Amino acid sequence: MAADTKGRGRAVVGGRDRAAPSGGDAMDTAVRTRTTGRGRGVLEGAFALLEALRQHGDEAGVTELAVACGVPKSTAHRLLEQLVALGAVERRGLRYRLGAQLYRLGQAWQPHPGLRGAGRLPLHRLRAATGGSVVLAVMREERALTVCSVPGRVEPLVPVRNGEEFSLDTALGKALRGPVRSGAVLDREDVVAGVCCAALPVRSPAGAVVGAVAVMVEAGQRLEVAAGRVAEAAAAVTRALGRSGIEVRP
């Protein structure tokens, strides 16, 4: 399975100038005027920069980020410095990266109450049993969004990280949609050469699909054996959800 992301190219600022500036300030004013009416210009601009930093994956300069977001450099710099002051972005010299405050906020997000906690131990056991890369994902905006992951031997070929997205035509995505037959959804190098995958849905105590567990292993491994381990892990997550007593809705 190959992860991909969707970027947003809008970054904006709020406020209104009475005078008509020239040069770069004129571009700044145009962006401001275009978005102030929507009442969320500053937030859109800030989140566009955060998304650009996330896609970059490491540190980036203000020029790179301004180009990625399609805004003047002065606008990008001003918003980045505001984000630095809030701890959402960190500055190292002339380069920026995502800050610790965003990590703390992200860790508080729960796709379904108790799901991440219920999956933690079964995922580690699945990784130990198969040596593969293991993920627990949920459906979000017609994508499979990873909420818990344990890297394995296929990490160089398919890196797994919390927050990575997979398309619904992968084994993981098909499991999230609910398999049309019993048993695991199998991928025999259909997406990435040298990598096979087995996935099964995780169900709430009421039987609704609320997530999916997948393991990605090297092509030489017996996929049917790995699929059996995935079935055990998915069942363990479902049992843990039932013991939690928390109502989990799809």
C-alpha atoms as a PDB file:
ATOM      1  CA  MET A   1       0.000   0.000   0.000  1.00  0.00           C
ATOM      2  CA  ALA A   2       1.344   3.386  -0.858  1.00  0.00           C
ATOM      3  CA  ALA A   3       0.366   6.407   1.183  1.00  0.00           C
ATOM      4  CA  ASP A   4      -0.416   9.694  -0.365  1.00  0.00           C
ATOM      5  CA  THR A   5      -1.553  13.073   0.848  1.00  0.00           C
ATOM      6  CA  LYS A   6      -3.734  15.911  -0.335  1.00  0.00           C
ATOM      7  CA  GLY A   7      -2.395  19.399  -0.088  1.00  0.00           C
ATOM      8  CA  ARG A   8      -4.254  22.680   0.038  1.00  0.00           C
ATOM      9  CA  GLY A   9      -2.932  25.642  -1.858  1.00  0.00           C
ATOM     10  CA  ARG A  10      -4.800  28.488  -0.130  1.00  0.00           C
ATOM     11  CA  ALA A  11      -3.114  30.667   2.443  1.00  0.00           C
ATOM     12  CA  VAL A  12      -4.658  33.973   3.389  1.00  0.00           C
ATOM     13  CA  VAL A  13      -4.658  36.827   5.868  1.00  0.00           C
ATOM     14  CA  GLY A  14      -7.438  38.924   7.337  1.00  0.00           C
ATOM     15  CA  GLY A  15      -7.752  42.643   7.923  1.00  0.00           C
ATOM     16  CA  ARG A  16      -8.336  45.590   5.600  1.00  0.00           C
ATOM     17  CA  ASP A  17      -6.067  48.398   4.368  1.00  0.00           C
ATOM     18  CA  ARG A  18      -7.482  51.740   3.376  1.00  0.00           C
ATOM     19  CA  ALA A  19      -4.495  52.732   1.263  1.00  0.00           C
ATOM     20  CA  ALA A  20      -3.647  50.890  -1.924  1.00  0.00           C
ATOM     21  CA  PRO A  21      -0.077  49.593  -1.527  1.00  0.00           C
ATOM     22  CA  SER A  22       2.208  48.653  -4.353  1.00  0.00           C
ATOM     23  CA  GLY A  23       4.528  45.763  -5.200  1.00  0.00           C
ATOM     24  CA  GLY A  24       4.531  42.863  -2.746  1.00  0.00           C
ATOM     25  CA  ASP A  25       2.177  44.742  -0.396  1.00  0.00           C
ATOM     26  CA  ALA A  26      -0.359  44.985  -3.209  1.00  0.00           C
ATOM     27  CA  MET A  27      -0.283  41.199  -3.601  1.00  0.00           C
ATOM     28  CA  ASP A  28      -0.688  40.865   0.153  1.00  0.00           C
ATOM     29  CA  THR A  29      -3.700  43.153   0.077  1.00  0.00           C
ATOM     30  CA  ALA A  30      -5.246  41.215  -2.801  1.00  0.00           C
ATOM     31  CA  VAL A  31      -5.010  37.984  -0.845  1.00  0.00           C
ATOM     32  CA  ARG A  32      -6.440  39.705   2.237  1.00  0.00           C
ATOM     33  CA  THR A  33      -9.324  41.261   0.344  1.00  0.00           C
ATOM     34  CA  ARG A  34     -10.202  38.037  -1.417  1.00  0.00           C
ATOM     35  CA  THR A  35     -10.586  36.072   1.801  1.00  0.00           C
ATOM     36  CA  THR A  36     -11.690  38.485   4.507  1.00  0.00           C
ATOM     37  CA  GLY A  37     -15.289  38.106   3.403  1.00  0.00           C
ATOM     38  CA  ARG A  38     -15.205  34.436   4.305  1.00  0.00           C
ATOM     39  CA  GLY A  39     -14.261  35.375   7.853  1.00  0.00           C
ATOM     40  CA  ARG A  40     -11.590  32.724   8.253  1.00  0.00           C
ATOM     41  CA  GLY A  41      -8.664  34.009   6.211  1.00  0.00           C
ATOM     42  CA  VAL A  42      -6.001  33.907   8.908  1.00  0.00           C
ATOM     43  CA  LEU A  43      -6.937  30.389   9.984  1.00  0.00           C
ATOM     44  CA  GLU A  44      -6.921  29.141   6.389  1.00  0.00           C
ATOM     45  CA  GLY A  45      -3.502  30.645   5.841  1.00  0.00           C
ATOM     46  CA  ALA A  46      -2.098  29.167   9.035  1.00  0.00           C
ATOM     47  CA  PHE A  47      -3.444  25.710   8.280  1.00  0.00           C
ATOM     48  CA  ALA A  48      -2.191  25.867   4.689  1.00  0.00           C
ATOM     49  CA  LEU A  49       1.316  26.521   6.020  1.00  0.00           C
ATOM     50  CA  LEU A  50       1.019  23.718   8.576  1.00  0.00           C
ATOM     51  CA  GLU A  51      -0.112  21.336   5.852  1.00  0.00           C
ATOM     52  CA  ALA A  52       2.794  22.415   3.639  1.00  0.00           C
ATOM     53  CA  LEU A  53       5.212  21.718   6.495  1.00  0.00           C
ATOM     54  CA  ARG A  54       3.629  18.316   7.053  1.00  0.00           C
ATOM     55  CA  GLN A  55       3.958  17.411   3.394  1.00  0.00           C
ATOM     56  CA  HIS A  56       7.547  18.633   3.320  1.00  0.00           C
ATOM     57  CA  GLY A  57       8.329  16.187   6.117  1.00  0.00           C
ATOM     58  CA  ASP A  58      11.241  18.151   7.565  1.00  0.00           C
ATOM     59  CA  GLU A  59      12.393  21.732   7.872  1.00  0.00           C
ATOM     60  CA  ALA A  60      11.508  24.204   5.129  1.00  0.00           C
ATOM     61  CA  GLY A  61      12.336  27.820   4.361  1.00  0.00           C
ATOM     62  CA  VAL A  62       9.803  30.607   4.116  1.00  0.00           C
ATOM     63  CA  THR A  63      10.279  30.896   0.340  1.00  0.00           C
ATOM     64  CA  GLU A  64       9.514  27.195  -0.190  1.00  0.00           C
ATOM     65  CA  LEU A  65       6.416  27.448   1.970  1.00  0.00           C
ATOM     66  CA  ALA A  66       5.181  30.629   0.318  1.00  0.00           C
ATOM     67  CA  VAL A  67       5.484  29.007  -3.116  1.00  0.00           C
ATOM     68  CA  ALA A  68       3.745  25.837  -1.911  1.00  0.00           C
ATOM     69  CA  CYS A  69       0.823  27.851  -0.543  1.00  0.00           C
ATOM     70  CA  GLY A  70       0.682  30.378  -3.371  1.00  0.00           C
ATOM     71  CA  VAL A  71       1.024  33.467  -1.165  1.00  0.00           C
ATOM     72  CA  PRO A  72       3.528  36.323  -0.906  1.00  0.00           C
ATOM     73  CA  LYS A  73       6.643  35.643   1.113  1.00  0.00           C
ATOM     74  CA  SER A  74       5.778  38.454   3.536  1.00  0.00           C
ATOM     75  CA  THR A  75       2.418  36.839   4.279  1.00  0.00           C
ATOM     76  CA  ALA A  76       3.975  33.437   4.875  1.00  0.00           C
ATOM     77  CA  HIS A  77       6.656  34.920   7.131  1.00  0.00           C
ATOM     78  CA  ARG A  78       4.142  36.825   9.240  1.00  0.00           C
ATOM     79  CA  LEU A  79       1.903  33.799   9.751  1.00  0.00           C
ATOM     80  CA  LEU A  80       4.847  31.514  10.490  1.00  0.00           C
ATOM     81  CA  GLU A  81       6.120  33.850  13.192  1.00  0.00           C
ATOM     82  CA  GLN A  82       2.659  33.905  14.767  1.00  0.00           C
ATOM     83  CA  LEU A  83       2.635  30.105  14.743  1.00  0.00           C
ATOM     84  CA  VAL A  84       6.106  30.069  16.311  1.00  0.00           C
ATOM     85  CA  ALA A  85       4.835  32.273  19.141  1.00  0.00           C
ATOM     86  CA  LEU A  86       2.039  29.757  19.769  1.00  0.00           C
ATOM     87  CA  GLY A  87       4.356  26.739  19.746  1.00  0.00           C
ATOM     88  CA  ALA A  88       2.677  25.236  16.691  1.00  0.00           C
ATOM     89  CA  VAL A  89       5.823  25.801  14.597  1.00  0.00           C
ATOM     90  CA  GLU A  90       9.497  25.852  15.562  1.00  0.00           C
ATOM     91  CA  ARG A  91      12.170  27.976  13.889  1.00  0.00           C
ATOM     92  CA  ARG A  92      15.761  26.872  13.469  1.00  0.00           C
ATOM     93  CA  GLY A  93      17.762  29.643  11.885  1.00  0.00           C
ATOM     94  CA  LEU A  94      15.882  30.564   8.727  1.00  0.00           C
ATOM     95  CA  ARG A  95      13.963  27.305   8.494  1.00  0.00           C
ATOM     96  CA  TYR A  96      10.725  26.103  10.051  1.00  0.00           C
ATOM     97  CA  ARG A  97       9.281  22.787  11.188  1.00  0.00           C
ATOM     98  CA  LEU A  98       6.142  21.585  12.971  1.00  0.00           C
ATOM     99  CA  GLY A  99       6.179  22.260  16.706  1.00  0.00           C
ATOM    100  CA  ALA A 100       5.592  20.158  19.802  1.00  0.00           C
ATOM    101  CA  GLN A 101       2.257  21.805  20.531  1.00  0.00           C
ATOM    102  CA  LEU A 102       0.791  20.282  17.371  1.00  0.00           C
ATOM    103  CA  TYR A 103       2.007  16.846  18.450  1.00  0.00           C
ATOM    104  CA  ARG A 104       0.293  17.220  21.819  1.00  0.00           C
ATOM    105  CA  LEU A 105      -2.940  18.331  20.203  1.00  0.00           C
ATOM    106  CA  GLY A 106      -2.828  15.499  17.677  1.00  0.00           C
ATOM    107  CA  GLN A 107      -2.348  12.869  20.358  1.00  0.00           C
ATOM    108  CA  ALA A 108      -5.611  13.969  21.964  1.00  0.00           C
ATOM    109  CA  TRP A 109      -7.648  13.197  18.829  1.00  0.00           C
ATOM    110  CA  GLN A 110      -9.719  10.011  19.035  1.00  0.00           C
ATOM    111  CA  PRO A 111     -11.286   8.686  15.810  1.00  0.00           C
ATOM    112  CA  HIS A 112     -13.638   6.567  17.917  1.00  0.00           C
ATOM    113  CA  PRO A 113     -13.663   6.517  21.733  1.00  0.00           C
ATOM    114  CA  GLY A 114     -11.258   3.872  22.978  1.00  0.00           C
ATOM    115  CA  LEU A 115     -10.245   2.548  19.541  1.00  0.00           C
ATOM    116  CA  ARG A 116      -6.608   3.582  19.634  1.00  0.00           C
ATOM    117  CA  GLY A 117      -6.124   2.210  23.145  1.00  0.00           C
ATOM    118  CA  ALA A 118      -7.898  -1.027  22.237  1.00  0.00           C
ATOM    119  CA  GLY A 119      -5.592  -1.530  19.267  1.00  0.00           C
ATOM    120  CA  ARG A 120      -2.237  -0.830  20.859  1.00  0.00           C
ATOM    121  CA  LEU A 121      -1.445  -4.241  22.396  1.00  0.00           C
ATOM    122  CA  PRO A 122      -2.943  -6.376  19.576  1.00  0.00           C
ATOM    123  CA  LEU A 123      -0.915  -4.417  17.011  1.00  0.00           C
ATOM    124  CA  HIS A 124       2.350  -4.965  18.861  1.00  0.00           C
ATOM    125  CA  ARG A 125       1.576  -8.668  19.166  1.00  0.00           C
ATOM    126  CA  LEU A 126       0.806  -8.839  15.451  1.00  0.00           C
ATOM    127  CA  ARG A 127       4.120  -7.154  14.666  1.00  0.00           C
ATOM    128  CA  ALA A 128       5.983  -9.626  16.907  1.00  0.00           C
ATOM    129  CA  ALA A 129       4.247 -12.619  15.312  1.00  0.00           C
ATOM    130  CA  THR A 130       4.753 -11.618  11.671  1.00  0.00           C
ATOM    131  CA  GLY A 131       7.648  -9.155  11.569  1.00  0.00           C
ATOM    132  CA  GLY A 132       5.534  -7.044   9.240  1.00  0.00           C
ATOM    133  CA  SER A 133       4.470  -3.424   9.385  1.00  0.00           C
ATOM    134  CA  VAL A 134       1.124  -3.155  11.150  1.00  0.00           C
ATOM    135  CA  VAL A 135      -1.537  -0.439  11.000  1.00  0.00           C
ATOM    136  CA  LEU A 136      -4.950   0.319  12.451  1.00  0.00           C
ATOM    137  CA  ALA A 137      -6.945   2.693  10.256  1.00  0.00           C
ATOM    138  CA  VAL A 138     -10.325   4.400  10.105  1.00  0.00           C
ATOM    139  CA  MET A 139     -12.348   5.855   7.245  1.00  0.00           C
ATOM    140  CA  ARG A 140     -12.077   9.615   6.889  1.00  0.00           C
ATOM    141  CA  GLU A 141     -13.157  11.634   3.825  1.00  0.00           C
ATOM    142  CA  GLU A 142     -13.089   8.574   1.563  1.00  0.00           C
ATOM    143  CA  ARG A 143      -9.548   7.704   2.653  1.00  0.00           C
ATOM    144  CA  ALA A 144      -8.059   5.140   5.019  1.00  0.00           C
ATOM    145  CA  LEU A 145      -6.411   7.164   7.794  1.00  0.00           C
ATOM    146  CA  THR A 146      -3.807   5.456  10.003  1.00  0.00           C
ATOM    147  CA  VAL A 147      -4.417   6.064  13.714  1.00  0.00           C
ATOM    148  CA  CYS A 148      -2.002   3.507  15.202  1.00  0.00           C
ATOM    149  CA  SER A 149       1.020   1.865  13.577  1.00  0.00           C
ATOM    150  CA  VAL A 150       4.053  -0.319  14.296  1.00  0.00           C
ATOM    151  CA  PRO A 151       6.824  -0.343  11.639  1.00  0.00           C
ATOM    152  CA  GLY A 152       8.182  -3.701  10.481  1.00  0.00           C
ATOM    153  CA  ARG A 153      10.585  -5.228   8.004  1.00  0.00           C
ATOM    154  CA  VAL A 154       8.958  -3.643   4.945  1.00  0.00           C
ATOM    155  CA  GLU A 155       9.497  -0.149   6.365  1.00  0.00           C
ATOM    156  CA  PRO A 156      11.978   0.909   3.635  1.00  0.00           C
ATOM    157  CA  LEU A 157       9.398   0.053   0.957  1.00  0.00           C
ATOM    158  CA  VAL A 158       6.223   1.218   2.703  1.00  0.00           C
ATOM    159  CA  PRO A 159       6.839   3.592   5.616  1.00  0.00           C
ATOM    160  CA  VAL A 160       3.971   3.573   8.115  1.00  0.00           C
ATOM    161  CA  ARG A 161       3.216   6.542  10.326  1.00  0.00           C
ATOM    162  CA  ASN A 162       0.211   7.702  12.289  1.00  0.00           C
ATOM    163  CA  GLY A 163      -1.681  10.141  10.090  1.00  0.00           C
ATOM    164  CA  GLU A 164      -0.694   8.498   6.793  1.00  0.00           C
ATOM    165  CA  GLU A 165      -3.506   8.043   4.291  1.00  0.00           C
ATOM    166  CA  PHE A 166      -4.198   5.117   1.968  1.00  0.00           C
ATOM    167  CA  SER A 167      -6.635   4.920  -0.897  1.00  0.00           C
ATOM    168  CA  LEU A 168      -9.704   2.729  -0.596  1.00  0.00           C
ATOM    169  CA  ASP A 169      -8.599   0.451  -3.433  1.00  0.00           C
ATOM    170  CA  THR A 170      -5.874  -1.044  -1.203  1.00  0.00           C
ATOM    171  CA  ALA A 171      -6.486  -4.108   0.965  1.00  0.00           C
ATOM    172  CA  LEU A 172      -6.788  -1.826   3.986  1.00  0.00           C
ATOM    173  CA  GLY A 173      -9.351   0.380   2.252  1.00  0.00           C
ATOM    174  CA  LYS A 174     -11.382  -2.590   1.067  1.00  0.00           C
ATOM    175  CA  ALA A 175     -11.482  -3.975   4.610  1.00  0.00           C
ATOM    176  CA  LEU A 176     -12.732  -0.615   5.871  1.00  0.00           C
ATOM    177  CA  ARG A 177     -15.561  -0.650   3.360  1.00  0.00           C
ATOM    178  CA  GLY A 178     -16.505  -4.122   4.573  1.00  0.00           C
ATOM    179  CA  PRO A 179     -15.303  -7.195   2.640  1.00  0.00           C
ATOM    180  CA  VAL A 180     -17.803  -8.799   0.303  1.00  0.00           C
ATOM    181  CA  ARG A 181     -16.771 -12.250   1.535  1.00  0.00           C
ATOM    182  CA  SER A 182     -15.565 -13.767   4.768  1.00  0.00           C
ATOM    183  CA  GLY A 183     -11.866 -13.833   5.535  1.00  0.00           C
ATOM    184  CA  ALA A 184      -9.076 -11.337   5.088  1.00  0.00           C
ATOM    185  CA  VAL A 185      -8.675  -9.037   2.108  1.00  0.00           C
ATOM    186  CA  LEU A 186      -5.385 -10.008   0.457  1.00  0.00           C
ATOM    187  CA  ASP A 187      -2.969  -7.973  -1.647  1.00  0.00           C
ATOM    188  CA  ARG A 188      -0.262  -9.994  -3.396  1.00  0.00           C
ATOM    189  CA  GLU A 189       2.113  -7.270  -4.589  1.00  0.00           C
ATOM    190  CA  ASP A 190      -0.828  -5.523  -6.255  1.00  0.00           C
ATOM    191  CA  VAL A 191       0.259  -2.067  -5.075  1.00  0.00           C
ATOM    192  CA  VAL A 192       3.958  -2.271  -4.169  1.00  0.00           C
ATOM    193  CA  ALA A 193       6.395  -4.801  -5.644  1.00  0.00           C
ATOM    194  CA  GLY A 194       7.843  -7.032  -2.950  1.00  0.00           C
ATOM    195  CA  VAL A 195       5.115  -6.248  -0.415  1.00  0.00           C
ATOM    196  CA  CYS A 196       1.974  -8.261   0.333  1.00  0.00           C
ATOM    197  CA  CYS A 197      -0.836  -7.245   2.653  1.00  0.00           C
ATOM    198  CA  ALA A 198      -3.665  -8.845   4.612  1.00  0.00           C
ATOM    199  CA  ALA A 199      -6.421  -6.755   6.184  1.00  0.00           C
ATOM    200  CA  LEU A 200      -9.588  -7.320   8.186  1.00  0.00           C
ATOM    201  CA  PRO A 201     -12.213  -4.970   9.600  1.00  0.00           C
ATOM    202  CA  VAL A 202     -12.544  -4.127  13.278  1.00  0.00           C
ATOM    203  CA  ARG A 203     -16.118  -4.115  14.490  1.00  0.00           C
ATOM    204  CA  SER A 204     -17.903  -2.412  17.329  1.00  0.00           C
ATOM    205  CA  PRO A 205     -19.739  -4.564  19.885  1.00  0.00           C
ATOM    206  CA  ALA A 206     -22.868  -3.898  17.806  1.00  0.00           C
ATOM    207  CA  GLY A 207     -21.187  -5.300  14.683  1.00  0.00           C
ATOM    208  CA  ALA A 208     -20.539  -2.088  12.747  1.00  0.00           C
ATOM    209  CA  VAL A 209     -17.197  -1.634  10.975  1.00  0.00           C
ATOM    210  CA  VAL A 210     -15.292   1.097  12.847  1.00  0.00           C
ATOM    211  CA  GLY A 211     -11.759   0.434  11.596  1.00  0.00           C
ATOM    212  CA  ALA A 212      -9.442  -2.087   9.980  1.00  0.00           C
ATOM    213  CA  VAL A 213      -6.199  -3.842  10.892  1.00  0.00           C
ATOM    214  CA  ALA A 214      -3.604  -4.650   8.236  1.00  0.00           C
ATOM    215  CA  VAL A 215      -0.174  -6.233   8.159  1.00  0.00           C
ATOM    216  CA  MET A 216       2.307  -5.674   5.330  1.00  0.00           C
ATOM    217  CA  VAL A 217       4.891  -8.425   4.887  1.00  0.00           C
ATOM    218  CA  GLU A 218       7.635  -9.354   2.471  1.00  0.00           C
ATOM    219  CA  ALA A 219       6.491 -11.176  -0.641  1.00  0.00           C
ATOM    220  CA  GLY A 220       8.328 -14.349   0.369  1.00  0.00           C
ATOM    221  CA  GLN A 221       6.238 -14.839   3.501  1.00  0.00           C
ATOM    222  CA  ARG A 222       3.157 -17.057   3.560  1.00  0.00           C
ATOM    223  CA  LEU A 223       0.349 -14.540   3.322  1.00  0.00           C
ATOM    224  CA  GLU A 224      -2.304 -16.969   4.558  1.00  0.00           C
ATOM    225  CA  VAL A 225      -0.421 -17.392   7.843  1.00  0.00           C
ATOM    226  CA  ALA A 226      -0.131 -13.627   8.229  1.00  0.00           C
ATOM    227  CA  ALA A 227      -3.854 -13.303   7.471  1.00  0.00           C
ATOM    228  CA  GLY A 228      -4.637 -15.655  10.337  1.00  0.00           C
ATOM    229  CA  ARG A 229      -2.652 -13.452  12.683  1.00  0.00           C
ATOM    230  CA  VAL A 230      -4.505 -10.394  11.412  1.00  0.00           C
ATOM    231  CA  ALA A 231      -7.808 -12.114  12.175  1.00  0.00           C
ATOM    232  CA  GLU A 232      -6.633 -12.707  15.745  1.00  0.00           C
ATOM    233  CA  ALA A 233      -5.578  -9.067  16.112  1.00  0.00           C
ATOM    234  CA  ALA A 234      -8.834  -7.674  14.699  1.00  0.00           C
ATOM    235  CA  ALA A 235     -10.849  -9.924  17.007  1.00  0.00           C
ATOM    236  CA  ALA A 236      -8.734  -8.808  19.978  1.00  0.00           C
ATOM    237  CA  VAL A 237      -9.405  -5.145  19.195  1.00  0.00           C
ATOM    238  CA  THR A 238     -13.132  -5.835  18.931  1.00  0.00           C
ATOM    239  CA  ARG A 239     -13.112  -7.652  22.284  1.00  0.00           C
ATOM    240  CA  ALA A 240     -11.204  -4.803  23.915  1.00  0.00           C
ATOM    241  CA  LEU A 241     -13.789  -2.337  22.637  1.00  0.00           C
ATOM    242  CA  GLY A 242     -16.529  -4.472  24.146  1.00  0.00           C
ATOM    243  CA  ARG A 243     -14.779  -4.594  27.524  1.00  0.00           C
ATOM    244  CA  SER A 244     -14.333  -0.827  27.555  1.00  0.00           C
ATOM    245  CA  GLY A 245     -18.073  -0.284  27.797  1.00  0.00           C
ATOM    246  CA  ILE A 246     -17.776   2.750  25.502  1.00  0.00           C
ATOM    247  CA  GLU A 247     -20.310   3.035  22.713  1.00  0.00           C
ATOM    248  CA  VAL A 248     -18.409   3.086  19.426  1.00  0.00           C
ATOM    249  CA  ARG A 249     -20.220   4.493  16.413  1.00  0.00           C
ATOM    250  CA  PRO A 250     -19.117   4.049  12.770  1.00  0.00           C
END
